[in-house]
């Protein structure tokens, strides 16, 4: 498919990935992946470390060439029309890319210059982005002196200084406090309402829940893709029991031992705060056996209830399923 033949779909499909593959020697980082992202959509791209998330983004940006397949951004072929892609997209990488020895205003001015903004355009954007980042009165503060939340919002401002139509965010809130993360996501959704298409990777499942659609990648392969609500309905192997008990850490050890001995065929046992989530094929069938096992070990059982799976439950289930098939 050529960029010209695809360009007519650009307004509704600003990101289009077709059988995308990237090999590094004998290692396949991205393996025959296909998906699309709609205009104004916030799309989550999730996977464990080394799954292929960043490699996918780097191919979409034209920073590395695919071994096979195609990646189109706004109708432009990322591999052959990289400069045109860069003119219309923003990118915020995992690594902090601002200059710590420049002020907030100087960083915005620098990135505005890189993207060819005129003096008048830059003056207007400076006001808008300083306000967006919550840095009024701190424009002349060295970036190194800013808190993590301010730095992240400033980095976002520099990434969108040229009004990009598509924005790639690679773990943008890593290491940022929960309040700053929430503020950052409010900015993301404001941009989406204005028509910006956003692809974001994150390790925070509460953030992934905010995405309109989510793709799970594991071992370079796309293992699931849908809205969060549909993924919970279709991708969960088994049923989730939530255990409210005394001594949860001790209980996890006991339940995992029962899993390994096949005494109780758990698909997963994990701590969720002060509770335990246990995934079994049939919640009603194994509920009593779990309770008896814990009581025999002198653990008080306050409640064992079947609950709807969280996105994290679904993610772990999908990744485990794909791993067992390989």
Protein backbone atom coordinates (compact mmCIF):
# COMPACT_ATOMS: atom_id res chain seq x y z
CA UNK A 1 0.00 0.00 0.00
CA UNK A 2 1.46 3.35 -1.03
CA UNK A 3 1.23 6.55 1.01
CA UNK A 4 -0.79 8.10 -1.82
CA UNK A 5 -3.39 5.32 -1.82
CA UNK A 6 -3.64 5.49 1.95
CA UNK A 7 -3.81 9.27 2.25
CA UNK A 8 -7.53 9.40 1.52
CA UNK A 9 -8.14 7.56 4.85
CA UNK A 10 -5.97 9.98 6.79
CA UNK A 11 -8.73 11.90 8.59
CA UNK A 12 -10.30 8.83 10.19
CA UNK A 13 -7.18 6.65 10.48
CA UNK A 14 -4.17 8.81 11.33
CA UNK A 15 -2.15 5.79 12.53
CA UNK A 16 -2.20 2.63 10.42
CA UNK A 17 0.08 -0.34 11.06
CA UNK A 18 0.09 -3.24 8.59
CA UNK A 19 1.96 -6.53 9.24
CA UNK A 20 4.78 -4.61 10.90
CA UNK A 21 7.86 -6.66 11.77
CA UNK A 22 11.27 -5.71 13.15
CA UNK A 23 14.13 -8.16 13.61
CA UNK A 24 17.50 -7.49 15.17
CA UNK A 25 19.58 -10.42 13.99
CA UNK A 26 17.84 -13.56 15.25
CA UNK A 27 15.67 -11.60 17.70
CA UNK A 28 12.19 -10.51 16.57
CA UNK A 29 11.21 -7.41 18.53
CA UNK A 30 7.91 -6.79 16.70
CA UNK A 31 6.24 -9.72 14.98
CA UNK A 32 3.64 -9.14 12.21
CA UNK A 33 1.64 -6.52 14.11
CA UNK A 34 -1.39 -4.78 12.57
CA UNK A 35 -3.66 -2.15 14.13
CA UNK A 36 -5.02 1.35 13.55
CA UNK A 37 -5.81 4.36 15.70
CA UNK A 38 -8.74 6.63 14.94
CA UNK A 39 -8.76 10.42 14.85
CA UNK A 40 -9.01 11.97 18.31
CA UNK A 41 -8.60 8.59 20.00
CA UNK A 42 -6.51 7.89 23.09
CA UNK A 43 -4.99 4.49 22.36
CA UNK A 44 -3.09 2.52 25.00
CA UNK A 45 -0.17 0.31 23.91
CA UNK A 46 0.57 -2.05 26.80
CA UNK A 47 3.07 -4.80 27.38
CA UNK A 48 5.78 -6.00 29.79
CA UNK A 49 9.34 -4.70 29.48
CA UNK A 50 10.89 -5.84 26.22
CA UNK A 51 7.50 -6.60 24.63
CA UNK A 52 8.09 -4.34 21.61
CA UNK A 53 6.18 -1.19 22.60
CA UNK A 54 8.97 1.34 22.10
CA UNK A 55 10.23 -0.43 18.96
CA UNK A 56 6.75 -0.03 17.47
CA UNK A 57 6.73 3.69 18.23
CA UNK A 58 10.22 4.14 16.82
CA UNK A 59 9.12 2.54 13.56
CA UNK A 60 6.02 4.75 13.44
CA UNK A 61 8.31 7.75 13.83
CA UNK A 62 10.70 6.50 11.16
CA UNK A 63 13.58 6.38 13.63
CA UNK A 64 14.21 2.75 12.68
CA UNK A 65 13.18 0.93 9.51
CA UNK A 66 10.88 -2.11 9.66
CA UNK A 67 12.16 -5.45 8.46
CA UNK A 68 8.82 -5.91 6.71
CA UNK A 69 5.34 -4.46 6.76
CA UNK A 70 4.24 -0.84 6.75
CA UNK A 71 3.57 1.99 9.19
CA UNK A 72 1.60 5.05 8.08
CA UNK A 73 1.09 8.24 10.08
CA UNK A 74 -1.38 10.77 8.63
CA UNK A 75 -1.07 8.95 5.32
CA UNK A 76 2.71 9.27 5.17
CA UNK A 77 4.89 6.18 5.04
CA UNK A 78 7.04 6.40 8.17
CA UNK A 79 9.96 4.57 6.55
CA UNK A 80 10.16 6.67 3.37
CA UNK A 81 8.53 10.00 4.29
CA UNK A 82 10.03 10.49 7.73
CA UNK A 83 10.46 14.27 7.52
CA UNK A 84 6.78 14.72 6.63
CA UNK A 85 5.81 12.52 9.58
CA UNK A 86 8.00 14.53 11.98
CA UNK A 87 6.46 17.80 10.80
CA UNK A 88 3.01 16.68 11.96
CA UNK A 89 3.63 14.60 15.09
CA UNK A 90 4.82 15.11 18.64
CA UNK A 91 6.90 12.62 20.61
CA UNK A 92 7.62 12.37 24.31
CA UNK A 93 10.09 9.56 24.99
CA UNK A 94 10.76 7.55 28.15
CA UNK A 95 13.96 9.52 28.67
CA UNK A 96 13.71 13.10 29.88
CA UNK A 97 14.71 15.14 26.82
CA UNK A 98 14.57 18.73 28.08
CA UNK A 99 17.72 20.71 28.78
CA UNK A 100 18.16 21.06 32.54
CA UNK A 101 20.54 24.01 32.17
CA UNK A 102 17.91 26.02 30.25
CA UNK A 103 14.88 27.73 31.73
CA UNK A 104 11.35 26.54 31.03
CA UNK A 105 10.86 29.38 28.54
CA UNK A 106 14.17 28.68 26.82
CA UNK A 107 13.26 25.02 26.35
CA UNK A 108 9.96 25.96 24.70
CA UNK A 109 11.74 28.54 22.54
CA UNK A 110 14.35 25.98 21.49
CA UNK A 111 11.82 23.33 20.45
CA UNK A 112 9.66 25.95 18.75
CA UNK A 113 12.70 26.95 16.71
CA UNK A 114 13.40 23.33 15.79
CA UNK A 115 9.89 23.10 14.36
CA UNK A 116 10.22 26.38 12.47
CA UNK A 117 7.73 28.53 14.37
CA UNK A 118 7.84 32.23 13.58
CA UNK A 119 8.51 34.78 16.34
CA UNK A 120 4.82 35.67 16.54
CA UNK A 121 3.73 32.02 16.66
CA UNK A 122 6.31 31.22 19.30
CA UNK A 123 5.28 34.19 21.43
CA UNK A 124 1.68 33.00 21.42
CA UNK A 125 2.60 29.36 22.09
CA UNK A 126 4.87 30.40 24.95
CA UNK A 127 1.93 31.93 26.80
CA UNK A 128 -0.32 28.93 26.08
CA UNK A 129 2.19 26.27 27.07
CA UNK A 130 3.45 27.98 30.22
CA UNK A 131 -0.18 28.22 31.33
CA UNK A 132 -0.85 24.59 30.38
CA UNK A 133 2.17 23.41 32.36
CA UNK A 134 1.13 25.49 35.39
CA UNK A 135 4.43 27.39 35.25
CA UNK A 136 3.16 30.97 35.41
CA UNK A 137 5.77 32.90 37.37
CA UNK A 138 8.35 30.12 36.86
CA UNK A 139 9.10 30.74 33.19
CA UNK A 140 12.66 31.75 34.02
CA UNK A 141 13.34 28.96 36.50
CA UNK A 142 15.98 26.44 35.47
CA UNK A 143 14.35 23.21 34.37
CA UNK A 144 16.59 21.31 36.79
CA UNK A 145 14.86 23.08 39.69
CA UNK A 146 11.33 22.03 38.71
CA UNK A 147 9.41 19.18 40.34
CA UNK A 148 8.74 15.96 38.44
CA UNK A 149 5.16 16.93 37.60
CA UNK A 150 6.15 20.34 36.24
CA UNK A 151 8.96 18.79 34.21
CA UNK A 152 6.59 16.28 32.63
CA UNK A 153 4.04 18.96 31.71
CA UNK A 154 6.83 21.15 30.33
CA UNK A 155 8.12 18.20 28.27
CA UNK A 156 4.58 17.68 26.95
CA UNK A 157 4.42 21.37 26.07
CA UNK A 158 7.67 21.13 24.10
CA UNK A 159 6.37 18.02 22.30
CA UNK A 160 3.22 19.83 21.14
CA UNK A 161 4.70 23.30 20.53
CA UNK A 162 3.99 22.94 16.78
CA UNK A 163 0.32 21.81 17.16
CA UNK A 164 0.88 18.19 16.07
CA UNK A 165 -2.06 16.15 14.82
CA UNK A 166 -0.66 12.92 16.29
CA UNK A 167 1.12 12.54 19.62
CA UNK A 168 3.24 9.59 20.78
CA UNK A 169 3.78 9.32 24.54
CA UNK A 170 6.15 6.59 25.73
CA UNK A 171 5.60 6.02 29.47
CA UNK A 172 5.14 9.77 29.98
CA UNK A 173 4.31 9.68 33.71
CA UNK A 174 6.90 7.19 34.97
CA UNK A 175 8.11 8.27 38.39
CA UNK A 176 5.56 11.08 38.76
CA UNK A 177 3.30 11.38 41.81
CA UNK A 178 -0.42 10.39 41.48
CA UNK A 179 -1.75 13.97 41.54
CA UNK A 180 0.64 15.05 38.78
CA UNK A 181 -0.28 11.94 36.79
CA UNK A 182 -3.96 12.84 37.02
CA UNK A 183 -3.25 16.40 35.90
CA UNK A 184 -1.19 15.08 33.00
CA UNK A 185 -4.07 12.87 31.86
CA UNK A 186 -6.48 15.79 32.02
CA UNK A 187 -4.20 17.51 29.49
CA UNK A 188 -4.17 14.38 27.32
CA UNK A 189 -7.95 14.26 27.19
CA UNK A 190 -8.22 17.96 26.49
CA UNK A 191 -5.98 17.47 23.44
CA UNK A 192 -8.00 14.45 22.31
CA UNK A 193 -11.18 16.56 22.47
CA UNK A 194 -9.44 19.02 20.18
CA UNK A 195 -8.85 16.22 17.64
CA UNK A 196 -5.29 15.15 18.47
CA UNK A 197 -4.72 11.41 18.07
CA UNK A 198 -2.69 9.99 20.96
CA UNK A 199 -0.83 6.69 21.30
CA UNK A 200 0.45 6.16 24.84
CA UNK A 201 2.41 3.41 26.55
CA UNK A 202 2.12 3.03 30.30
CA UNK A 203 2.78 0.57 33.12
CA UNK A 204 0.00 2.08 35.24
CA UNK A 205 -3.22 0.13 34.82
CA UNK A 206 -5.33 2.97 36.21
CA UNK A 207 -4.01 5.07 33.31
CA UNK A 208 -4.69 2.31 30.79
CA UNK A 209 -8.31 2.26 32.01
CA UNK A 210 -8.59 5.85 30.74
CA UNK A 211 -7.77 4.86 27.15
CA UNK A 212 -10.60 4.41 24.66
CA UNK A 213 -8.97 1.30 23.23
CA UNK A 214 -6.03 -0.78 24.38
CA UNK A 215 -3.66 -3.12 22.57
CA UNK A 216 -1.69 -5.76 24.49
CA UNK A 217 1.69 -6.73 23.02
CA UNK A 218 3.84 -9.55 24.35
CA UNK A 219 6.96 -11.07 22.84
CA UNK A 220 6.50 -8.78 19.86
CA UNK A 221 3.04 -10.15 19.07
CA UNK A 222 -0.28 -8.35 19.39
CA UNK A 223 -2.28 -10.59 21.74
CA UNK A 224 -5.45 -8.54 22.27
CA UNK A 225 -6.97 -5.25 21.12
CA UNK A 226 -10.30 -3.68 22.03
CA UNK A 227 -12.01 -1.24 24.37
CA UNK A 228 -11.29 -1.80 28.06
CA UNK A 229 -14.86 -3.00 28.70
CA UNK A 230 -14.72 -5.51 25.83
CA UNK A 231 -11.30 -6.80 26.85
CA UNK A 232 -12.70 -7.56 30.30
CA UNK A 233 -15.57 -9.48 28.72
CA UNK A 234 -13.61 -11.44 26.14
CA UNK A 235 -9.97 -11.84 27.20
CA UNK A 236 -10.19 -13.08 30.77
CA UNK A 237 -9.35 -16.76 31.23
CA UNK A 238 -11.25 -17.93 34.27
CA UNK A 239 -13.05 -16.04 37.03
CA UNK A 240 -11.65 -13.76 39.72
CA UNK A 241 -12.15 -14.29 43.44
CA UNK A 242 -11.22 -11.46 45.78
CA UNK A 243 -10.07 -12.65 49.20
CA UNK A 244 -10.30 -10.34 52.20
CA UNK A 245 -8.28 -12.17 54.85
CA UNK A 246 -5.81 -11.85 57.68
CA UNK A 247 -2.10 -12.26 56.90
CA UNK A 248 -2.43 -11.82 53.10
CA UNK A 249 1.28 -12.32 52.41
CA UNK A 250 1.30 -15.64 54.22
CA UNK A 251 -1.92 -16.59 52.42
CA UNK A 252 -0.36 -15.88 49.02
CA UNK A 253 2.50 -18.27 49.82
CA UNK A 254 0.04 -20.99 50.84
CA UNK A 255 -2.15 -20.52 47.77
CA UNK A 256 0.84 -20.49 45.41
CA UNK A 257 2.04 -23.74 46.99
CA UNK A 258 -1.43 -25.20 46.35
CA UNK A 259 -1.17 -23.97 42.77
CA UNK A 260 2.24 -25.55 42.19
CA UNK A 261 1.14 -28.88 43.68
CA UNK A 262 -2.07 -28.72 41.61
CA UNK A 263 -4.10 -29.04 44.81
CA UNK A 264 -6.14 -26.09 43.53
CA UNK A 265 -5.67 -25.22 39.83
CA UNK A 266 -5.23 -21.46 40.11
CA UNK A 267 -4.43 -19.60 36.92
CA UNK A 268 -3.05 -16.69 38.97
CA UNK A 269 -2.66 -15.65 42.61
CA UNK A 270 -1.56 -12.11 43.40
CA UNK A 271 -1.74 -9.42 46.05
CA UNK A 272 -3.90 -6.41 45.24
CA UNK A 273 -3.27 -4.00 48.09
CA UNK A 274 -4.59 -5.69 51.25
CA UNK A 275 -6.64 -8.21 49.24
CA UNK A 276 -5.74 -11.22 47.13
CA UNK A 277 -7.01 -11.90 43.62
CA UNK A 278 -7.20 -15.60 42.78
CA UNK A 279 -8.12 -16.64 39.24
CA UNK A 280 -9.79 -20.04 38.81
CA UNK A 281 -11.79 -21.67 36.05
CA UNK A 282 -14.98 -21.78 38.12
CA UNK A 283 -15.29 -19.50 41.16
CA UNK A 284 -18.18 -21.40 42.79
CA UNK A 285 -16.46 -24.76 42.41
CA UNK A 286 -13.24 -23.72 44.20
CA UNK A 287 -14.46 -21.07 46.64
CA UNK A 288 -15.09 -23.50 49.52
CA UNK A 289 -11.83 -25.39 48.95
CA UNK A 290 -9.85 -22.14 49.15
CA UNK A 291 -11.60 -21.15 52.36
CA UNK A 292 -10.96 -24.56 53.99
CA UNK A 293 -7.29 -24.48 53.04
CA UNK A 294 -6.77 -21.06 54.59
CA UNK A 295 -8.69 -21.87 57.78
CA UNK A 296 -6.58 -25.03 58.20
CA UNK A 297 -3.52 -22.72 58.13
CA UNK A 298 -5.04 -20.52 60.88
CA UNK A 299 -5.78 -17.63 58.53
CA UNK A 300 -9.00 -15.73 59.23
CA UNK A 301 -11.22 -15.45 56.16
CA UNK A 302 -13.36 -12.32 56.24
CA UNK A 303 -14.82 -12.79 52.77
CA UNK A 304 -14.29 -14.52 49.45
CA UNK A 305 -16.32 -12.99 46.64
CA UNK A 306 -16.33 -13.29 42.89
CA UNK A 307 -15.63 -9.91 41.29
CA UNK A 308 -15.38 -8.48 37.80
CA UNK A 309 -11.79 -8.66 36.53
CA UNK A 310 -9.64 -5.55 36.61
CA UNK A 311 -7.71 -4.54 33.51
CA UNK A 312 -4.58 -5.79 35.27
CA UNK A 313 -6.22 -9.21 35.72
CA UNK A 314 -7.06 -9.26 32.01
CA UNK A 315 -3.60 -8.08 31.01
CA UNK A 316 -1.86 -10.80 33.04
CA UNK A 317 -4.26 -13.42 31.71
CA UNK A 318 -3.67 -12.36 28.08
CA UNK A 319 0.11 -12.27 28.47
CA UNK A 320 0.19 -15.69 30.18
CA UNK A 321 -2.06 -17.16 27.48
CA UNK A 322 0.17 -15.86 24.69
CA UNK A 323 3.29 -17.12 26.46
CA UNK A 324 1.84 -20.61 26.85
CA UNK A 325 1.01 -20.73 23.14
CA UNK A 326 4.60 -19.92 22.06
